[in-house]
């Protein structure tokens, strides 16, 4: 079952990848990074804004980017694990937990 969240989390990294995170007062150890991707904002709206402005100027979507890591993690010393989507939002400069799968 997948559950969606938008909760702030604290993440510690090791070699750029999340290594552990704190969510709702509970520590989670990352066992494996399953996937990593970058999501951009509404690029089609940036194009429209550029067309409306003077010729030759371009819009920027860099501030709307966020990186997502899908990780397998286990809470504390518990043997079981789940899948979590952790997101670093470049514009906000912080981490959130987007989804969990169990």
N, C-alpha and C. Protein backbone atom coordinates (compact mmCIF):
# COMPACT_ATOMS: atom_id res chain seq x y z
N UNK A 1 0.84 -1.17 0.00
CA UNK A 1 0.00 0.00 0.00
C UNK A 1 0.89 1.24 0.00
N UNK A 2 0.53 2.22 -0.81
CA UNK A 2 1.27 3.48 -0.88
C UNK A 2 0.51 4.56 -0.13
N UNK A 3 1.26 5.31 0.66
CA UNK A 3 0.68 6.44 1.38
C UNK A 3 1.45 7.69 1.00
N UNK A 4 0.74 8.80 0.79
CA UNK A 4 1.36 10.07 0.41
C UNK A 4 1.47 10.96 1.64
N UNK A 5 2.61 11.65 1.72
CA UNK A 5 2.87 12.59 2.80
C UNK A 5 3.50 13.84 2.22
N UNK A 6 3.63 14.83 3.04
CA UNK A 6 4.40 16.03 2.72
C UNK A 6 5.03 16.50 4.03
N UNK A 7 5.66 15.55 4.73
CA UNK A 7 6.23 15.81 6.05
C UNK A 7 7.70 16.21 5.95
N UNK A 8 8.07 17.19 6.73
CA UNK A 8 9.47 17.59 6.82
C UNK A 8 10.26 16.50 7.53
N UNK A 9 11.42 16.17 7.00
CA UNK A 9 12.31 15.17 7.61
C UNK A 9 13.73 15.74 7.66
N UNK A 10 14.52 15.19 8.57
CA UNK A 10 15.94 15.52 8.64
C UNK A 10 16.69 14.36 8.01
N UNK A 11 17.60 14.67 7.10
CA UNK A 11 18.32 13.63 6.36
C UNK A 11 19.82 13.84 6.53
N UNK A 12 20.51 12.75 6.78
CA UNK A 12 21.97 12.75 6.76
C UNK A 12 22.41 11.98 5.54
N UNK A 13 23.41 12.56 4.85
CA UNK A 13 23.89 11.95 3.61
C UNK A 13 25.25 11.30 3.81
N UNK A 14 25.51 10.34 2.95
CA UNK A 14 26.84 9.74 2.83
C UNK A 14 27.13 9.64 1.34
N UNK A 15 28.19 10.32 0.89
CA UNK A 15 28.54 10.34 -0.54
C UNK A 15 27.36 10.77 -1.40
N UNK A 16 26.70 11.85 -1.01
CA UNK A 16 25.59 12.46 -1.75
C UNK A 16 24.26 11.71 -1.62
N UNK A 17 24.26 10.46 -1.21
CA UNK A 17 23.02 9.70 -1.07
C UNK A 17 22.51 9.77 0.37
N UNK A 18 21.20 9.73 0.57
CA UNK A 18 20.68 9.68 1.93
C UNK A 18 21.16 8.41 2.64
N UNK A 19 21.63 8.55 3.87
CA UNK A 19 22.10 7.41 4.66
C UNK A 19 21.16 7.11 5.82
N UNK A 20 20.49 8.13 6.33
CA UNK A 20 19.54 7.95 7.42
C UNK A 20 18.64 9.18 7.47
N UNK A 21 17.46 9.01 8.08
CA UNK A 21 16.57 10.14 8.21
C UNK A 21 15.74 10.02 9.48
N UNK A 22 15.27 11.16 9.94
CA UNK A 22 14.45 11.25 11.14
C UNK A 22 13.07 11.73 10.72
N UNK A 23 12.06 10.91 11.00
CA UNK A 23 10.69 11.23 10.61
C UNK A 23 9.77 10.96 11.78
N UNK A 24 9.02 12.00 12.18
CA UNK A 24 8.08 11.90 13.29
C UNK A 24 8.73 11.35 14.55
N UNK A 25 9.97 11.82 14.80
CA UNK A 25 10.67 11.43 16.02
C UNK A 25 11.29 10.04 15.98
N UNK A 26 11.26 9.40 14.83
CA UNK A 26 11.80 8.05 14.72
C UNK A 26 12.94 8.01 13.71
N UNK A 27 14.01 7.33 14.06
CA UNK A 27 15.19 7.20 13.22
C UNK A 27 15.01 6.05 12.21
N UNK A 28 15.38 6.29 10.95
CA UNK A 28 15.33 5.28 9.90
C UNK A 28 16.71 5.16 9.26
N UNK A 29 17.20 3.94 9.15
CA UNK A 29 18.48 3.68 8.50
C UNK A 29 18.22 3.25 7.06
N UNK A 30 18.86 3.92 6.12
CA UNK A 30 18.71 3.57 4.69
C UNK A 30 19.54 2.33 4.41
N UNK A 31 18.89 1.30 3.92
CA UNK A 31 19.57 0.04 3.57
C UNK A 31 20.08 0.05 2.14
N UNK A 32 19.28 0.69 1.25
CA UNK A 32 19.66 0.71 -0.16
C UNK A 32 18.95 1.86 -0.87
N UNK A 33 19.64 2.52 -1.79
CA UNK A 33 19.02 3.50 -2.67
C UNK A 33 18.50 2.74 -3.88
N UNK A 34 17.19 2.76 -4.08
CA UNK A 34 16.56 2.00 -5.17
C UNK A 34 16.50 2.80 -6.47
N UNK A 35 16.33 4.12 -6.35
CA UNK A 35 16.26 4.98 -7.54
C UNK A 35 16.54 6.42 -7.13
N UNK A 36 16.92 7.22 -8.11
CA UNK A 36 17.18 8.64 -7.89
C UNK A 36 16.83 9.37 -9.18
N UNK A 37 16.05 10.45 -9.06
CA UNK A 37 15.69 11.23 -10.24
C UNK A 37 15.48 12.68 -9.86
N UNK A 38 15.41 13.53 -10.88
CA UNK A 38 15.18 14.96 -10.70
C UNK A 38 13.85 15.30 -11.35
N UNK A 39 13.02 16.01 -10.59
CA UNK A 39 11.73 16.49 -11.12
C UNK A 39 11.83 17.99 -11.30
N UNK A 40 11.28 18.48 -12.41
CA UNK A 40 11.27 19.91 -12.65
C UNK A 40 9.87 20.45 -12.47
N UNK A 41 9.80 21.76 -12.37
CA UNK A 41 8.51 22.41 -12.21
C UNK A 41 7.74 22.44 -13.52
N UNK A 42 6.81 23.33 -13.60
CA UNK A 42 5.94 23.45 -14.78
C UNK A 42 6.70 24.12 -15.92
N UNK A 43 7.52 23.34 -16.61
CA UNK A 43 8.35 23.88 -17.68
C UNK A 43 7.53 24.51 -18.79
N UNK A 44 6.30 24.01 -19.00
CA UNK A 44 5.46 24.57 -20.05
C UNK A 44 5.00 25.98 -19.70
N UNK A 45 4.88 26.30 -18.43
CA UNK A 45 4.52 27.66 -18.03
C UNK A 45 5.69 28.60 -18.18
N UNK A 46 6.91 28.11 -17.95
CA UNK A 46 8.10 28.92 -18.15
C UNK A 46 8.19 29.32 -19.61
N UNK A 47 7.89 28.40 -20.52
CA UNK A 47 7.90 28.70 -21.95
C UNK A 47 6.89 29.78 -22.31
N UNK A 48 5.71 29.72 -21.71
CA UNK A 48 4.69 30.73 -21.97
C UNK A 48 5.13 32.09 -21.45
N UNK A 49 5.76 32.11 -20.30
CA UNK A 49 6.23 33.38 -19.73
C UNK A 49 7.33 33.97 -20.61
N UNK A 50 8.17 33.11 -21.16
CA UNK A 50 9.25 33.58 -22.02
C UNK A 50 8.69 34.17 -23.30
N UNK A 51 7.65 33.57 -23.85
CA UNK A 51 7.05 34.07 -25.08
C UNK A 51 6.39 35.43 -24.85
N UNK A 52 5.83 35.61 -23.65
CA UNK A 52 5.15 36.87 -23.35
C UNK A 52 6.15 38.00 -23.10
N UNK A 53 7.38 37.66 -22.71
CA UNK A 53 8.38 38.69 -22.45
C UNK A 53 9.07 39.09 -23.74
N UNK A 54 10.05 39.94 -23.63
CA UNK A 54 10.74 40.42 -24.83
C UNK A 54 11.50 39.31 -25.51
N UNK A 55 11.70 39.44 -26.79
CA UNK A 55 12.42 38.42 -27.57
C UNK A 55 13.84 38.28 -27.06
N UNK A 56 14.32 37.03 -27.04
CA UNK A 56 15.69 36.77 -26.64
C UNK A 56 15.85 36.43 -25.17
N UNK A 57 14.85 36.71 -24.33
CA UNK A 57 14.98 36.35 -22.91
C UNK A 57 14.43 34.96 -22.69
N UNK A 58 14.99 34.27 -21.72
CA UNK A 58 14.55 32.90 -21.44
C UNK A 58 14.19 32.76 -19.98
N UNK A 59 13.31 31.82 -19.69
CA UNK A 59 12.93 31.52 -18.31
C UNK A 59 13.88 30.50 -17.72
N UNK A 60 13.84 30.38 -16.41
CA UNK A 60 14.69 29.42 -15.72
C UNK A 60 13.84 28.51 -14.85
N UNK A 61 14.10 27.21 -14.93
CA UNK A 61 13.36 26.27 -14.10
C UNK A 61 14.23 25.71 -12.99
N UNK A 62 15.46 26.15 -12.89
CA UNK A 62 16.38 25.63 -11.89
C UNK A 62 15.85 25.70 -10.48
N UNK A 63 15.17 26.79 -10.13
CA UNK A 63 14.68 26.94 -8.77
C UNK A 63 13.47 26.04 -8.49
N UNK A 64 12.85 25.50 -9.54
CA UNK A 64 11.69 24.64 -9.35
C UNK A 64 12.07 23.16 -9.32
N UNK A 65 13.36 22.85 -9.39
CA UNK A 65 13.79 21.47 -9.40
C UNK A 65 13.81 20.88 -8.00
N UNK A 66 13.57 19.59 -7.96
CA UNK A 66 13.73 18.84 -6.72
C UNK A 66 14.26 17.46 -7.06
N UNK A 67 15.08 16.95 -6.15
CA UNK A 67 15.65 15.62 -6.33
C UNK A 67 14.88 14.65 -5.45
N UNK A 68 14.62 13.48 -6.00
CA UNK A 68 13.89 12.45 -5.26
C UNK A 68 14.74 11.19 -5.19
N UNK A 69 14.81 10.63 -4.01
CA UNK A 69 15.49 9.35 -3.79
C UNK A 69 14.47 8.35 -3.29
N UNK A 70 14.35 7.23 -3.96
CA UNK A 70 13.53 6.12 -3.46
C UNK A 70 14.48 5.19 -2.73
N UNK A 71 14.23 5.01 -1.45
CA UNK A 71 15.15 4.23 -0.62
C UNK A 71 14.40 3.12 0.10
N UNK A 72 15.14 2.05 0.39
CA UNK A 72 14.65 1.02 1.29
C UNK A 72 15.27 1.33 2.64
N UNK A 73 14.43 1.43 3.67
CA UNK A 73 14.92 1.80 4.99
C UNK A 73 14.15 1.04 6.05
N UNK A 74 14.79 0.92 7.21
CA UNK A 74 14.13 0.27 8.34
C UNK A 74 14.19 1.20 9.55
N UNK A 75 13.12 1.20 10.34
CA UNK A 75 13.08 2.06 11.52
C UNK A 75 13.90 1.47 12.66
N UNK A 76 14.84 2.26 13.17
CA UNK A 76 15.65 1.83 14.31
C UNK A 76 16.34 0.51 14.06
N UNK A 77 16.16 -0.39 15.01
CA UNK A 77 16.80 -1.71 14.89
C UNK A 77 15.80 -2.79 14.49
N UNK A 78 14.66 -2.37 13.98
CA UNK A 78 13.63 -3.30 13.55
C UNK A 78 14.10 -4.04 12.31
N UNK A 79 13.80 -5.33 12.25
CA UNK A 79 14.27 -6.16 11.13
C UNK A 79 13.56 -5.83 9.82
N UNK A 80 12.28 -5.48 9.85
CA UNK A 80 11.53 -5.21 8.63
C UNK A 80 11.91 -3.88 8.01
N UNK A 81 11.59 -3.71 6.74
CA UNK A 81 11.90 -2.45 6.06
C UNK A 81 10.75 -2.06 5.15
N UNK A 82 10.78 -0.81 4.70
CA UNK A 82 9.79 -0.30 3.76
C UNK A 82 10.48 0.55 2.72
N UNK A 83 9.71 1.06 1.79
CA UNK A 83 10.24 1.90 0.72
C UNK A 83 9.72 3.32 0.94
N UNK A 84 10.63 4.29 0.87
CA UNK A 84 10.32 5.68 1.16
C UNK A 84 10.85 6.57 0.05
N UNK A 85 10.07 7.57 -0.32
CA UNK A 85 10.52 8.57 -1.30
C UNK A 85 10.88 9.83 -0.54
N UNK A 86 12.19 10.16 -0.53
CA UNK A 86 12.70 11.36 0.12
C UNK A 86 12.97 12.41 -0.95
N UNK A 87 12.60 13.65 -0.67
CA UNK A 87 12.72 14.71 -1.66
C UNK A 87 13.52 15.89 -1.10
N UNK A 88 14.50 16.35 -1.87
CA UNK A 88 15.20 17.59 -1.54
C UNK A 88 14.74 18.65 -2.52
N UNK A 89 14.10 19.68 -1.99
CA UNK A 89 13.57 20.78 -2.81
C UNK A 89 14.61 21.89 -2.84
N UNK A 90 15.14 22.18 -4.01
CA UNK A 90 16.20 23.19 -4.15
C UNK A 90 15.69 24.58 -3.80
N UNK A 91 14.46 24.91 -4.15
CA UNK A 91 13.92 26.24 -3.86
C UNK A 91 13.74 26.44 -2.36
N UNK A 92 13.23 25.43 -1.67
CA UNK A 92 12.99 25.53 -0.23
C UNK A 92 14.25 25.24 0.58
N UNK A 93 15.18 24.49 -0.01
CA UNK A 93 16.42 24.15 0.68
C UNK A 93 16.23 23.13 1.79
N UNK A 94 15.20 22.28 1.67
CA UNK A 94 14.94 21.31 2.72
C UNK A 94 14.41 19.99 2.18
N UNK A 95 14.29 19.04 3.10
CA UNK A 95 13.86 17.67 2.80
C UNK A 95 12.43 17.43 3.22
N UNK A 96 11.72 16.61 2.44
CA UNK A 96 10.39 16.14 2.81
C UNK A 96 10.27 14.66 2.47
N UNK A 97 9.37 14.00 3.16
CA UNK A 97 9.01 12.62 2.84
C UNK A 97 7.76 12.70 1.99
N UNK A 98 7.82 12.17 0.76
CA UNK A 98 6.70 12.23 -0.17
C UNK A 98 5.76 11.05 -0.07
N UNK A 99 6.34 9.83 -0.05
CA UNK A 99 5.54 8.61 -0.10
C UNK A 99 6.21 7.50 0.71
N UNK A 100 5.37 6.59 1.18
CA UNK A 100 5.85 5.34 1.78
C UNK A 100 5.13 4.19 1.11
N UNK A 101 5.82 3.06 1.01
CA UNK A 101 5.22 1.84 0.47
C UNK A 101 5.54 0.71 1.43
N UNK A 102 4.52 -0.05 1.76
CA UNK A 102 4.76 -1.20 2.63
C UNK A 102 4.05 -2.43 2.13
